[in-house]
Amino acid sequence: PAGDGFLMCMLALVMWYLSVGKEVTGAISLARGVWGLPGGKTTHLVPEGDEPHATRFESISPARRALVITVQVIRLVVSGVLMHAGTLFLAFTISLTELLLNAVALEFVLSVDELL
């Protein structure tokens, strides 16, 4: 029935928005974390604990802080564009089978960086 298609489309859109929201939350969290680090002339990492790769930031240079914040702003813009394009992509899908396939494809596009 027609109601099933509408429900499936709404579910796919909600899942898409949640996936994009997760990406946005990650970008904002990283930007806030870098913004809160103590500043210095250079970036200085110090070893922490007995683990071989455990380090912490003692200071971060202004250029490095600006670079990380700029990358996160770009990440937010790309997420917004993807959210808009993905919404249109899902909303104009006619078949239920294609809707499910397109929803999975969008999730793959959003998470492909984590797979690499």
N, C-alpha and C. Protein backbone atom coordinates (compact mmCIF):
# COMPACT_ATOMS: atom_id res chain seq x y z
N PRO A 1 0.81 -1.20 0.00
CA PRO A 1 0.00 0.00 0.00
C PRO A 1 0.85 1.26 0.00
N ALA A 2 0.22 2.39 -0.31
CA ALA A 2 0.92 3.66 -0.39
C ALA A 2 1.45 4.10 0.97
N GLY A 3 0.76 3.76 2.04
CA GLY A 3 1.19 4.14 3.38
C GLY A 3 2.52 3.52 3.77
N ASP A 4 2.77 2.29 3.29
CA ASP A 4 4.04 1.62 3.60
C ASP A 4 5.21 2.35 2.96
N GLY A 5 5.01 2.85 1.74
CA GLY A 5 6.07 3.59 1.06
C GLY A 5 6.41 4.89 1.79
N PHE A 6 5.38 5.59 2.24
CA PHE A 6 5.59 6.83 2.98
C PHE A 6 6.32 6.56 4.29
N LEU A 7 5.91 5.54 4.99
CA LEU A 7 6.54 5.18 6.26
C LEU A 7 8.01 4.78 6.05
N MET A 8 8.25 3.99 5.02
CA MET A 8 9.62 3.57 4.72
C MET A 8 10.49 4.77 4.35
N CYS A 9 9.94 5.70 3.59
CA CYS A 9 10.68 6.90 3.20
C CYS A 9 11.00 7.75 4.43
N MET A 10 10.04 7.92 5.32
CA MET A 10 10.27 8.69 6.53
C MET A 10 11.32 8.03 7.42
N LEU A 11 11.26 6.72 7.53
CA LEU A 11 12.25 5.99 8.31
C LEU A 11 13.65 6.14 7.71
N ALA A 12 13.74 6.03 6.38
CA ALA A 12 15.04 6.21 5.71
C ALA A 12 15.57 7.62 5.93
N LEU A 13 14.69 8.62 5.86
CA LEU A 13 15.13 10.01 6.07
C LEU A 13 15.58 10.24 7.51
N VAL A 14 14.85 9.69 8.47
CA VAL A 14 15.25 9.86 9.88
C VAL A 14 16.61 9.20 10.11
N MET A 15 16.81 8.01 9.57
CA MET A 15 18.10 7.34 9.73
C MET A 15 19.22 8.14 9.06
N TRP A 16 18.92 8.73 7.91
CA TRP A 16 19.91 9.55 7.20
C TRP A 16 20.27 10.77 8.05
N TYR A 17 19.26 11.44 8.62
CA TYR A 17 19.52 12.61 9.46
C TYR A 17 20.33 12.24 10.70
N LEU A 18 20.05 11.09 11.27
CA LEU A 18 20.82 10.64 12.43
C LEU A 18 22.28 10.36 12.06
N SER A 19 22.50 9.77 10.89
CA SER A 19 23.86 9.50 10.44
C SER A 19 24.63 10.80 10.20
N VAL A 20 23.99 11.76 9.55
CA VAL A 20 24.64 13.05 9.32
C VAL A 20 24.85 13.77 10.65
N GLY A 21 23.89 13.66 11.55
CA GLY A 21 24.03 14.27 12.86
C GLY A 21 25.22 13.73 13.63
N LYS A 22 25.47 12.44 13.49
CA LYS A 22 26.64 11.83 14.13
C LYS A 22 27.93 12.44 13.59
N GLU A 23 27.99 12.65 12.29
CA GLU A 23 29.16 13.28 11.65
C GLU A 23 29.33 14.72 12.14
N VAL A 24 28.25 15.45 12.22
CA VAL A 24 28.29 16.84 12.68
C VAL A 24 28.74 16.90 14.13
N THR A 25 28.22 16.02 14.96
CA THR A 25 28.61 15.98 16.37
C THR A 25 30.10 15.68 16.52
N GLY A 26 30.61 14.78 15.71
CA GLY A 26 32.04 14.47 15.75
C GLY A 26 32.90 15.65 15.36
N ALA A 27 32.50 16.38 14.33
CA ALA A 27 33.26 17.56 13.89
C ALA A 27 33.24 18.64 14.96
N ILE A 28 32.09 18.88 15.55
CA ILE A 28 31.99 19.92 16.58
C ILE A 28 32.78 19.52 17.82
N SER A 29 32.72 18.26 18.20
CA SER A 29 33.47 17.79 19.38
C SER A 29 34.97 17.95 19.19
N LEU A 30 35.46 17.60 18.00
CA LEU A 30 36.89 17.74 17.73
C LEU A 30 37.30 19.21 17.73
N ALA A 31 36.48 20.07 17.12
CA ALA A 31 36.79 21.50 17.09
C ALA A 31 36.81 22.08 18.50
N ARG A 32 35.84 21.70 19.33
CA ARG A 32 35.81 22.20 20.71
C ARG A 32 37.00 21.69 21.51
N GLY A 33 37.39 20.43 21.27
CA GLY A 33 38.54 19.88 21.97
C GLY A 33 39.83 20.59 21.62
N VAL A 34 40.02 20.87 20.35
CA VAL A 34 41.23 21.57 19.91
C VAL A 34 41.21 23.02 20.40
N TRP A 35 40.03 23.63 20.38
CA TRP A 35 39.92 25.02 20.84
C TRP A 35 40.27 25.13 22.32
N GLY A 36 39.98 24.11 23.09
CA GLY A 36 40.24 24.13 24.53
C GLY A 36 41.66 23.78 24.93
N LEU A 37 42.48 23.36 23.98
CA LEU A 37 43.87 23.02 24.31
C LEU A 37 44.65 24.29 24.64
N PRO A 38 45.63 24.17 25.54
CA PRO A 38 46.45 25.34 25.84
C PRO A 38 47.30 25.74 24.63
N GLY A 39 47.39 27.03 24.39
CA GLY A 39 48.15 27.53 23.24
C GLY A 39 49.62 27.74 23.58
N GLY A 40 50.43 27.77 22.54
CA GLY A 40 51.85 28.02 22.68
C GLY A 40 52.44 28.38 21.33
N LYS A 41 53.71 28.71 21.31
CA LYS A 41 54.36 29.05 20.05
C LYS A 41 54.44 27.85 19.12
N THR A 42 54.64 26.69 19.70
CA THR A 42 54.73 25.45 18.90
C THR A 42 53.82 24.40 19.51
N THR A 43 53.56 23.37 18.73
CA THR A 43 52.80 22.23 19.24
C THR A 43 53.76 21.31 19.97
N HIS A 44 53.42 20.99 21.19
CA HIS A 44 54.30 20.17 22.01
C HIS A 44 53.51 18.97 22.54
N LEU A 45 53.97 17.77 22.21
CA LEU A 45 53.38 16.53 22.72
C LEU A 45 54.34 15.93 23.74
N VAL A 46 53.79 15.42 24.83
CA VAL A 46 54.62 14.77 25.84
C VAL A 46 54.11 13.35 26.05
N PRO A 47 55.04 12.39 26.28
CA PRO A 47 54.62 11.01 26.54
C PRO A 47 53.84 10.93 27.85
N GLU A 48 52.91 10.00 27.87
CA GLU A 48 52.09 9.86 29.08
C GLU A 48 51.94 8.38 29.39
N GLY A 49 52.29 8.00 30.59
CA GLY A 49 52.13 6.61 31.02
C GLY A 49 53.17 5.70 30.42
N ASP A 50 52.93 4.40 30.58
CA ASP A 50 53.88 3.39 30.12
C ASP A 50 53.58 2.89 28.71
N GLU A 51 52.41 3.25 28.16
CA GLU A 51 52.07 2.78 26.82
C GLU A 51 52.95 3.47 25.79
N PRO A 52 53.37 2.73 24.74
CA PRO A 52 54.32 3.30 23.79
C PRO A 52 53.79 4.48 22.97
N HIS A 53 52.50 4.52 22.67
CA HIS A 53 51.96 5.58 21.82
C HIS A 53 51.06 6.54 22.58
N ALA A 54 51.07 6.50 23.91
CA ALA A 54 50.22 7.38 24.70
C ALA A 54 50.91 8.73 24.86
N THR A 55 50.29 9.76 24.31
CA THR A 55 50.83 11.12 24.41
C THR A 55 49.69 12.08 24.75
N ARG A 56 50.07 13.27 25.19
CA ARG A 56 49.08 14.31 25.42
C ARG A 56 49.64 15.63 24.92
N PHE A 57 48.74 16.53 24.57
CA PHE A 57 49.15 17.85 24.11
C PHE A 57 49.51 18.71 25.31
N GLU A 58 50.70 19.27 25.28
CA GLU A 58 51.08 20.26 26.29
C GLU A 58 50.75 21.66 25.79
N SER A 59 50.89 21.85 24.47
CA SER A 59 50.50 23.11 23.85
C SER A 59 50.26 22.87 22.37
N ILE A 60 49.51 23.79 21.74
CA ILE A 60 49.22 23.70 20.31
C ILE A 60 49.49 25.08 19.70
N SER A 61 50.12 25.07 18.54
CA SER A 61 50.45 26.33 17.87
C SER A 61 49.19 26.95 17.26
N PRO A 62 49.18 28.28 17.12
CA PRO A 62 48.01 28.94 16.52
C PRO A 62 47.73 28.46 15.10
N ALA A 63 48.78 28.20 14.33
CA ALA A 63 48.59 27.75 12.94
C ALA A 63 47.94 26.36 12.90
N ARG A 64 48.38 25.47 13.77
CA ARG A 64 47.80 24.13 13.81
C ARG A 64 46.35 24.17 14.29
N ARG A 65 46.08 25.00 15.28
CA ARG A 65 44.72 25.16 15.78
C ARG A 65 43.81 25.69 14.66
N ALA A 66 44.28 26.71 13.93
CA ALA A 66 43.49 27.28 12.83
C ALA A 66 43.26 26.24 11.73
N LEU A 67 44.26 25.43 11.44
CA LEU A 67 44.12 24.40 10.42
C LEU A 67 43.06 23.37 10.81
N VAL A 68 43.11 22.90 12.04
CA VAL A 68 42.15 21.89 12.50
C VAL A 68 40.73 22.47 12.51
N ILE A 69 40.58 23.70 12.98
CA ILE A 69 39.25 24.33 13.00
C ILE A 69 38.74 24.52 11.58
N THR A 70 39.61 24.94 10.65
CA THR A 70 39.21 25.11 9.25
C THR A 70 38.76 23.80 8.64
N VAL A 71 39.48 22.73 8.90
CA VAL A 71 39.10 21.42 8.38
C VAL A 71 37.74 21.00 8.94
N GLN A 72 37.48 21.30 10.20
CA GLN A 72 36.20 20.92 10.80
C GLN A 72 35.04 21.75 10.22
N VAL A 73 35.30 23.02 9.92
CA VAL A 73 34.27 23.84 9.27
C VAL A 73 33.96 23.29 7.89
N ILE A 74 34.99 22.90 7.15
CA ILE A 74 34.78 22.29 5.83
C ILE A 74 33.99 20.99 5.98
N ARG A 75 34.32 20.22 6.99
CA ARG A 75 33.60 18.96 7.26
C ARG A 75 32.12 19.22 7.53
N LEU A 76 31.82 20.30 8.26
CA LEU A 76 30.43 20.66 8.54
C LEU A 76 29.70 21.09 7.27
N VAL A 77 30.37 21.85 6.42
CA VAL A 77 29.75 22.29 5.16
C VAL A 77 29.46 21.09 4.27
N VAL A 78 30.42 20.17 4.16
CA VAL A 78 30.22 18.97 3.35
C VAL A 78 29.08 18.13 3.92
N SER A 79 29.00 18.04 5.23
CA SER A 79 27.90 17.30 5.85
C SER A 79 26.55 17.93 5.52
N GLY A 80 26.48 19.25 5.54
CA GLY A 80 25.24 19.93 5.18
C GLY A 80 24.84 19.70 3.74
N VAL A 81 25.81 19.77 2.85
CA VAL A 81 25.53 19.52 1.43
C VAL A 81 25.09 18.07 1.22
N LEU A 82 25.77 17.14 1.87
CA LEU A 82 25.38 15.73 1.77
C LEU A 82 24.00 15.49 2.34
N MET A 83 23.67 16.17 3.44
CA MET A 83 22.34 15.99 4.02
C MET A 83 21.26 16.46 3.05
N HIS A 84 21.48 17.60 2.43
CA HIS A 84 20.51 18.12 1.47
C HIS A 84 20.39 17.21 0.25
N ALA A 85 21.53 16.83 -0.32
CA ALA A 85 21.51 15.97 -1.50
C ALA A 85 20.92 14.59 -1.18
N GLY A 86 21.26 14.05 -0.03
CA GLY A 86 20.73 12.75 0.37
C GLY A 86 19.23 12.79 0.61
N THR A 87 18.75 13.90 1.16
CA THR A 87 17.31 14.06 1.37
C THR A 87 16.57 14.04 0.04
N LEU A 88 17.08 14.81 -0.92
CA LEU A 88 16.45 14.82 -2.24
C LEU A 88 16.54 13.44 -2.90
N PHE A 89 17.68 12.79 -2.75
CA PHE A 89 17.90 11.48 -3.34
C PHE A 89 16.89 10.47 -2.81
N LEU A 90 16.66 10.50 -1.50
CA LEU A 90 15.71 9.56 -0.90
C LEU A 90 14.26 9.95 -1.18
N ALA A 91 13.97 11.25 -1.13
CA ALA A 91 12.59 11.70 -1.30
C ALA A 91 12.06 11.43 -2.71
N PHE A 92 12.92 11.43 -3.70
CA PHE A 92 12.48 11.22 -5.07
C PHE A 92 12.67 9.79 -5.55
N THR A 93 12.97 8.87 -4.64
CA THR A 93 13.06 7.46 -4.99
C THR A 93 11.66 6.87 -4.97
N ILE A 94 11.31 6.14 -6.03
CA ILE A 94 9.93 5.66 -6.18
C ILE A 94 9.74 4.26 -5.59
N SER A 95 10.60 3.35 -5.93
CA SER A 95 10.43 1.95 -5.53
C SER A 95 10.93 1.73 -4.09
N LEU A 96 10.24 0.88 -3.36
CA LEU A 96 10.68 0.55 -2.00
C LEU A 96 12.03 -0.16 -1.99
N THR A 97 12.23 -1.02 -2.97
CA THR A 97 13.52 -1.72 -3.07
C THR A 97 14.64 -0.73 -3.32
N GLU A 98 14.44 0.20 -4.24
CA GLU A 98 15.46 1.21 -4.52
C GLU A 98 15.66 2.14 -3.33
N LEU A 99 14.60 2.43 -2.60
CA LEU A 99 14.71 3.28 -1.42
C LEU A 99 15.63 2.65 -0.39
N LEU A 100 15.46 1.38 -0.14
CA LEU A 100 16.31 0.68 0.81
C LEU A 100 17.76 0.66 0.32
N LEU A 101 17.95 0.37 -0.96
CA LEU A 101 19.29 0.33 -1.54
C LEU A 101 19.94 1.71 -1.50
N ASN A 102 19.18 2.76 -1.80
CA ASN A 102 19.73 4.11 -1.78
C ASN A 102 20.08 4.55 -0.36
N ALA A 103 19.28 4.16 0.62
CA ALA A 103 19.57 4.50 2.01
C ALA A 103 20.88 3.85 2.46
N VAL A 104 21.08 2.61 2.07
CA VAL A 104 22.33 1.92 2.41
C VAL A 104 23.51 2.56 1.68
N ALA A 105 23.30 2.96 0.43
CA ALA A 105 24.37 3.60 -0.34
C ALA A 105 24.76 4.94 0.29
N LEU A 106 23.79 5.70 0.76
CA LEU A 106 24.10 6.98 1.40
C LEU A 106 24.90 6.77 2.69
N GLU A 107 24.52 5.78 3.45
CA GLU A 107 25.27 5.48 4.68
C GLU A 107 26.70 5.06 4.34
N PHE A 108 26.87 4.31 3.27
CA PHE A 108 28.20 3.91 2.83
C PHE A 108 29.03 5.13 2.46
N VAL A 109 28.44 6.07 1.73
CA VAL A 109 29.15 7.29 1.33
C VAL A 109 29.60 8.07 2.56
N LEU A 110 28.76 8.14 3.56
CA LEU A 110 29.08 8.92 4.75
C LEU A 110 30.15 8.24 5.61
N SER A 111 30.19 6.92 5.60
CA SER A 111 31.13 6.22 6.48
C SER A 111 32.31 5.59 5.75
N VAL A 112 32.52 5.89 4.48
CA VAL A 112 33.61 5.26 3.75
C VAL A 112 34.97 5.67 4.30
N ASP A 113 35.10 6.86 4.88
CA ASP A 113 36.38 7.28 5.45
C ASP A 113 36.79 6.42 6.64
N GLU A 114 35.82 5.91 7.37
CA GLU A 114 36.13 5.05 8.51
C GLU A 114 36.56 3.66 8.06
N LEU A 115 36.16 3.26 6.87
CA LEU A 115 36.52 1.94 6.36
C LEU A 115 37.94 1.91 5.81
N LEU A 116 38.46 3.07 5.44
CA LEU A 116 39.81 3.13 4.83
C LEU A 116 40.89 3.11 5.85
